[in-house]
Amino acid sequence: MVKEKRGRTTRLILGLLVVAVVVAASAAALLASRSGTPTRAPARPVQTAPSTSPSPTTTLPATATSPNATTTSPAVTSSPSTTTTPVKHAPKPLGVRGRWKLVFSDGFQGSSLNRNVWNAHNGWTDQNAVSDSSGNVTVRDGHAILTLVSDSSGAELGTRHFALKVGEFAQARIKFAGSGHTIYNWPAFWASGPDWPHGGENDIAEGFGALTVNYHSPTITRATGPVPGDWAGHFHTYGIYRGRTDSRVYWDGKLVRTYRTDDDGQPETLLLTLGAGDEIRTGAAGAMIVDYVRAWRPA
């Protein structure tokens, strides 16, 4: 009986211990949940996307531009400044009023004659049988220099593509060699039409002893005589307005001659010539120096 009682007591104690353990575990779990301590979730295997799957970020084609991107302008190839840069203060003709548009201009920049603009004649014979040679024309310091090398070798330039039409105005700035009112050699700034004399010839400034203005056509040979003043040794401007029935010549912006014309009205080539006159000076002493030649039409 004593052994049996001890056995029941032992089983009772063991049962009480088991109950106590279970109660303690339950209490611990309850305290953990109230304290906010997170319960670790079971680990998940990491899934790697196949290499063929598209990336979540879309890449724009090379030719597309993102709407938020900064656009860079393409490189621009510059044209010559004379065609891309507007002229704020284009030169105006001297003497004539009204609005004019510059249609021809050469200031003889660089170190050689622009052969796209000018014909430098070789072998032409004029002005007292002087033969023109392109070698007698040089360009230096912004000037075209025409030289009489001998009493039989001079120079002549003519515009290659430009010709002065009726209603237009031409002007040149020139220094004629000489002293006072006496002009050396036989220089001229003139305009001549095709099929001479039907196209007409306007001698805007022609020096043969003195500086004069003259006109030639099939029916008219008009020598207007010297223009008073000292025109040698300094730069002056010489211009012409070519009308349909008359021409008007301006020196230094002043009207010096008006004369009737009866040519056929065809466009006239602008010419610069140096031949042999009464007072012959060869080389630099008798050179004709041209600063510029320009022409305008009504704007």
Protein backbone atom coordinates (compact mmCIF):
# COMPACT_ATOMS: atom_id res chain seq x y z
CA MET A 1 0.00 0.00 0.00
CA VAL A 2 2.82 2.34 0.86
CA LYS A 3 4.56 1.67 -2.56
CA GLU A 4 1.31 2.14 -4.42
CA LYS A 5 0.67 5.41 -2.58
CA ARG A 6 4.16 6.63 -3.40
CA GLY A 7 3.54 5.72 -7.06
CA ARG A 8 0.33 7.70 -7.23
CA THR A 9 2.05 10.62 -5.55
CA THR A 10 4.90 10.54 -8.08
CA ARG A 11 2.52 10.47 -11.05
CA LEU A 12 0.59 13.36 -9.53
CA ILE A 13 3.75 15.45 -9.14
CA LEU A 14 4.83 14.67 -12.72
CA GLY A 15 1.40 15.66 -13.99
CA LEU A 16 1.55 18.90 -12.09
CA LEU A 17 5.04 19.63 -13.56
CA VAL A 18 3.77 19.06 -17.11
CA VAL A 19 0.83 21.38 -16.52
CA ALA A 20 3.19 23.98 -15.06
CA VAL A 21 5.48 23.80 -18.14
CA VAL A 22 2.56 24.18 -20.54
CA VAL A 23 1.16 27.13 -18.58
CA ALA A 24 4.59 28.80 -18.52
CA ALA A 25 5.03 28.40 -22.31
CA SER A 26 1.60 29.83 -22.98
CA ALA A 27 2.30 32.77 -20.72
CA ALA A 28 5.61 33.49 -22.49
CA ALA A 29 3.94 33.44 -25.91
CA LEU A 30 1.23 35.78 -24.71
CA LEU A 31 3.80 38.23 -23.33
CA ALA A 32 5.80 38.17 -26.60
CA SER A 33 2.76 38.99 -28.74
CA ARG A 34 1.83 41.93 -26.50
CA SER A 35 5.35 43.39 -26.55
CA GLY A 36 5.30 43.81 -30.42
CA THR A 37 8.31 41.64 -31.18
CA PRO A 38 7.92 40.56 -34.85
CA THR A 39 7.67 36.93 -35.65
CA ARG A 40 10.12 35.92 -38.38
CA ALA A 41 8.41 34.65 -41.49
CA PRO A 42 9.74 31.56 -43.09
CA ALA A 43 12.42 32.25 -45.70
CA ARG A 44 11.40 32.25 -49.41
CA PRO A 45 13.63 31.15 -52.21
CA VAL A 46 15.02 34.07 -54.32
CA GLN A 47 13.59 34.03 -57.88
CA THR A 48 15.94 35.24 -60.63
CA ALA A 49 14.27 36.54 -63.83
CA PRO A 50 15.30 34.75 -67.04
CA SER A 51 17.93 36.60 -69.11
CA THR A 52 15.43 36.94 -71.96
CA SER A 53 12.92 38.86 -69.86
CA PRO A 54 12.70 42.62 -70.73
CA SER A 55 14.10 45.06 -68.25
CA PRO A 56 11.47 47.04 -66.36
CA THR A 57 13.19 50.29 -67.57
CA THR A 58 12.44 51.06 -71.24
CA THR A 59 15.39 52.34 -73.29
CA LEU A 60 14.49 54.90 -76.02
CA PRO A 61 15.77 54.33 -79.55
CA ALA A 62 18.90 56.21 -80.49
CA THR A 63 16.91 58.61 -82.67
CA ALA A 64 14.34 59.39 -80.02
CA THR A 65 14.65 62.21 -77.53
CA SER A 66 13.31 61.85 -74.01
CA PRO A 67 10.70 64.52 -73.31
CA ASN A 68 12.67 65.68 -70.27
CA ALA A 69 16.06 65.53 -71.90
CA THR A 70 18.03 68.66 -72.82
CA THR A 71 18.13 68.95 -76.59
CA THR A 72 21.47 69.85 -78.16
CA SER A 73 21.27 71.65 -81.48
CA PRO A 74 23.23 70.13 -84.36
CA ALA A 75 26.48 71.79 -85.38
CA VAL A 76 25.97 74.56 -87.94
CA THR A 77 28.42 75.09 -90.77
CA SER A 78 28.95 78.81 -91.15
CA SER A 79 28.65 80.45 -94.52
CA PRO A 80 30.86 83.38 -95.44
CA SER A 81 30.00 86.39 -93.23
CA THR A 82 29.13 88.41 -96.27
CA THR A 83 26.06 86.10 -96.86
CA THR A 84 25.05 85.29 -93.31
CA THR A 85 25.71 88.59 -91.49
CA PRO A 86 23.26 91.37 -92.41
CA VAL A 87 24.82 94.72 -93.33
CA LYS A 88 23.49 97.28 -90.85
CA HIS A 89 24.91 100.30 -92.67
CA ALA A 90 25.31 99.47 -96.35
CA PRO A 91 27.18 102.18 -98.28
CA LYS A 92 24.97 104.66 -100.10
CA PRO A 93 25.63 106.40 -103.41
CA LEU A 94 26.80 109.99 -103.23
CA GLY A 95 24.70 112.74 -104.79
CA VAL A 96 21.47 110.93 -105.65
CA ARG A 97 18.47 110.84 -103.35
CA GLY A 98 16.04 108.05 -102.67
CA ARG A 99 16.35 104.47 -101.48
CA TRP A 100 18.99 102.29 -103.11
CA LYS A 101 20.04 98.65 -102.91
CA LEU A 102 23.70 97.73 -103.36
CA VAL A 103 24.02 95.25 -106.23
CA PHE A 104 27.77 95.31 -106.94
CA SER A 105 30.76 96.06 -104.73
CA ASP A 106 34.46 95.28 -104.79
CA GLY A 107 36.94 96.86 -102.39
CA PHE A 108 39.93 94.89 -103.71
CA GLN A 109 40.72 92.99 -100.53
CA GLY A 110 43.38 90.31 -100.45
CA SER A 111 46.59 90.13 -102.43
CA SER A 112 45.30 89.40 -105.93
CA LEU A 113 42.57 90.46 -108.31
CA ASN A 114 39.29 88.55 -108.00
CA ARG A 115 39.03 86.99 -111.45
CA ASN A 116 35.44 85.95 -110.79
CA VAL A 117 34.58 89.65 -110.66
CA TRP A 118 36.98 91.22 -113.14
CA ASN A 119 38.43 90.55 -116.57
CA ALA A 120 42.03 91.73 -116.72
CA HIS A 121 42.53 92.18 -120.43
CA ASN A 122 45.58 91.05 -122.35
CA GLY A 123 46.44 92.39 -125.79
CA TRP A 124 43.60 94.86 -126.13
CA THR A 125 44.82 97.97 -127.92
CA ASP A 126 43.37 101.36 -127.08
CA GLN A 127 44.29 104.78 -125.74
CA ASN A 128 47.03 105.78 -128.14
CA ALA A 129 47.80 102.23 -129.30
CA VAL A 130 48.64 101.01 -125.81
CA SER A 131 48.40 97.23 -125.43
CA ASP A 132 46.76 96.15 -122.18
CA SER A 133 48.47 93.53 -119.99
CA SER A 134 47.01 91.80 -116.93
CA GLY A 135 50.51 91.87 -115.43
CA ASN A 136 50.16 95.64 -115.13
CA VAL A 137 47.35 95.27 -112.56
CA THR A 138 48.18 94.58 -108.92
CA VAL A 139 46.10 94.47 -105.74
CA ARG A 140 47.64 95.77 -102.54
CA ASP A 141 46.39 97.39 -99.31
CA GLY A 142 42.77 97.34 -100.43
CA HIS A 143 43.46 98.99 -103.79
CA ALA A 144 43.65 97.96 -107.42
CA ILE A 145 46.68 99.60 -109.01
CA LEU A 146 46.83 100.06 -112.78
CA THR A 147 50.30 100.92 -114.09
CA LEU A 148 51.62 102.22 -117.37
CA VAL A 149 54.82 100.21 -117.76
CA SER A 150 55.85 101.94 -120.98
CA ASP A 151 54.24 104.18 -123.59
CA SER A 152 52.95 100.99 -125.25
CA SER A 153 52.01 98.80 -122.23
CA GLY A 154 49.08 99.72 -120.01
CA ALA A 155 46.14 98.08 -118.24
CA GLU A 156 42.41 97.60 -118.40
CA LEU A 157 39.81 95.95 -116.12
CA GLY A 158 36.20 95.19 -116.99
CA THR A 159 33.44 93.71 -114.86
CA ARG A 160 33.01 90.04 -115.77
CA HIS A 161 29.35 89.45 -114.86
CA PHE A 162 27.94 92.80 -113.77
CA ALA A 163 26.64 95.40 -116.22
CA LEU A 164 25.01 98.74 -115.43
CA LYS A 165 21.36 98.89 -116.43
CA VAL A 166 19.19 101.90 -117.19
CA GLY A 167 17.94 103.28 -113.87
CA GLU A 168 21.02 102.18 -111.89
CA PHE A 169 23.88 104.15 -110.35
CA ALA A 170 27.61 103.30 -110.39
CA GLN A 171 30.40 104.89 -108.39
CA ALA A 172 34.16 104.47 -107.96
CA ARG A 173 36.71 106.05 -105.65
CA ILE A 174 39.91 106.72 -107.58
CA LYS A 175 43.19 108.58 -107.28
CA PHE A 176 44.42 109.79 -110.65
CA ALA A 177 48.10 110.58 -111.01
CA GLY A 178 48.97 114.15 -111.85
CA SER A 179 49.44 117.61 -110.43
CA GLY A 180 46.66 120.08 -109.74
CA HIS A 181 44.26 120.01 -112.68
CA THR A 182 46.77 118.20 -114.92
CA ILE A 183 46.23 114.44 -115.26
CA TYR A 184 49.09 112.16 -116.29
CA ASN A 185 48.76 109.47 -118.94
CA TRP A 186 45.24 108.53 -120.19
CA PRO A 187 43.17 107.04 -117.35
CA ALA A 188 39.42 106.49 -117.44
CA PHE A 189 36.48 105.15 -115.46
CA TRP A 190 33.74 104.44 -117.98
CA ALA A 191 30.78 102.25 -118.95
CA SER A 192 30.30 100.74 -122.39
CA GLY A 193 27.54 98.65 -123.93
CA PRO A 194 27.84 95.72 -126.35
CA ASP A 195 28.06 96.27 -130.09
CA TRP A 196 29.72 99.66 -129.67
CA PRO A 197 28.64 102.37 -130.38
CA HIS A 198 25.00 101.20 -130.40
CA GLY A 199 25.19 100.24 -126.69
CA GLY A 200 26.62 103.66 -125.88
CA GLU A 201 29.72 104.79 -123.99
CA ASN A 202 29.60 106.91 -120.86
CA ASP A 203 33.02 108.31 -119.91
CA ILE A 204 32.39 109.10 -116.25
CA ALA A 205 35.90 110.44 -115.60
CA GLU A 206 38.43 110.49 -118.44
CA GLY A 207 41.81 112.13 -118.16
CA PHE A 208 43.77 113.42 -121.15
CA GLY A 209 45.66 116.45 -119.88
CA ALA A 210 42.55 117.45 -117.87
CA LEU A 211 39.79 115.34 -116.34
CA THR A 212 36.63 115.35 -118.47
CA VAL A 213 33.18 113.77 -118.99
CA ASN A 214 32.23 112.43 -122.43
CA TYR A 215 29.57 110.38 -124.25
CA HIS A 216 29.48 108.38 -127.50
CA SER A 217 26.61 106.77 -129.42
CA PRO A 218 25.75 106.11 -133.07
CA THR A 219 24.59 109.72 -133.51
CA ILE A 220 26.27 111.62 -130.67
CA THR A 221 29.87 112.34 -129.82
CA ARG A 222 29.72 114.64 -126.85
CA ALA A 223 32.87 116.05 -125.27
CA THR A 224 31.71 118.15 -122.34
CA GLY A 225 35.15 119.53 -121.55
CA PRO A 226 37.14 119.69 -118.29
CA VAL A 227 35.39 119.92 -114.94
CA PRO A 228 36.90 122.80 -112.96
CA GLY A 229 38.99 121.79 -109.96
CA ASP A 230 42.18 120.04 -108.94
CA TRP A 231 41.42 116.34 -109.34
CA ALA A 232 44.93 114.88 -109.45
CA GLY A 233 46.91 113.29 -106.65
CA HIS A 234 44.01 112.63 -104.24
CA PHE A 235 41.11 110.21 -103.96
CA HIS A 236 37.74 111.43 -105.26
CA THR A 237 34.46 109.70 -106.01
CA TYR A 238 33.07 109.55 -109.54
CA GLY A 239 29.51 108.37 -110.16
CA ILE A 240 26.86 108.12 -112.86
CA TYR A 241 23.11 107.72 -112.91
CA ARG A 242 22.15 106.13 -116.18
CA GLY A 243 18.75 107.30 -117.36
CA ARG A 244 16.85 106.16 -120.42
CA THR A 245 17.26 109.42 -122.34
CA ASP A 246 19.96 111.14 -120.32
CA SER A 247 22.85 110.50 -117.95
CA ARG A 248 23.87 112.45 -114.86
CA VAL A 249 27.46 112.46 -113.60
CA TYR A 250 28.42 113.23 -109.99
CA TRP A 251 31.93 113.96 -108.73
CA ASP A 252 32.33 113.89 -104.94
CA GLY A 253 28.54 113.78 -104.70
CA LYS A 254 28.03 116.95 -106.73
CA LEU A 255 26.20 116.95 -110.07
CA VAL A 256 28.75 118.14 -112.63
CA ARG A 257 27.18 117.04 -115.95
CA THR A 258 23.79 116.13 -117.41
CA TYR A 259 23.66 115.11 -121.09
CA ARG A 260 21.23 113.52 -123.54
CA THR A 261 21.72 109.87 -124.55
CA ASP A 262 20.31 107.83 -127.44
CA ASP A 263 21.95 104.41 -127.14
CA ASP A 264 19.93 101.17 -127.29
CA GLY A 265 19.70 100.89 -123.49
CA GLN A 266 21.53 97.58 -123.14
CA PRO A 267 23.45 96.99 -119.87
CA GLU A 268 26.95 98.50 -119.91
CA THR A 269 30.17 96.95 -118.60
CA LEU A 270 32.09 99.01 -116.04
CA LEU A 271 35.69 99.64 -117.11
CA LEU A 272 38.92 100.97 -115.61
CA THR A 273 41.63 101.84 -118.11
CA LEU A 274 45.12 103.32 -118.18
CA GLY A 275 46.77 104.29 -121.47
CA ALA A 276 49.29 106.83 -122.69
CA GLY A 277 48.34 110.51 -122.87
CA ASP A 278 50.11 113.82 -123.36
CA GLU A 279 51.84 113.80 -119.96
CA ILE A 280 53.36 110.28 -119.77
CA ARG A 281 54.54 108.95 -116.42
CA THR A 282 55.42 105.28 -116.17
CA GLY A 283 55.50 103.15 -113.03
CA ALA A 284 54.22 104.33 -109.65
CA ALA A 285 54.42 108.03 -110.61
CA GLY A 286 51.66 107.60 -113.18
CA ALA A 287 49.60 104.82 -111.60
CA MET A 288 45.81 104.87 -111.38
CA ILE A 289 44.74 103.70 -107.89
CA VAL A 290 41.19 102.43 -107.36
CA ASP A 291 39.79 102.11 -103.83
CA TYR A 292 36.43 100.56 -104.72
CA VAL A 293 33.78 100.17 -107.42
CA ARG A 294 30.09 99.91 -106.47
CA ALA A 295 26.68 99.98 -108.09
CA TRP A 296 23.10 100.31 -106.82
CA ARG A 297 19.59 99.91 -108.12
CA PRO A 298 16.48 101.61 -106.73
CA ALA A 299 15.21 99.78 -103.64
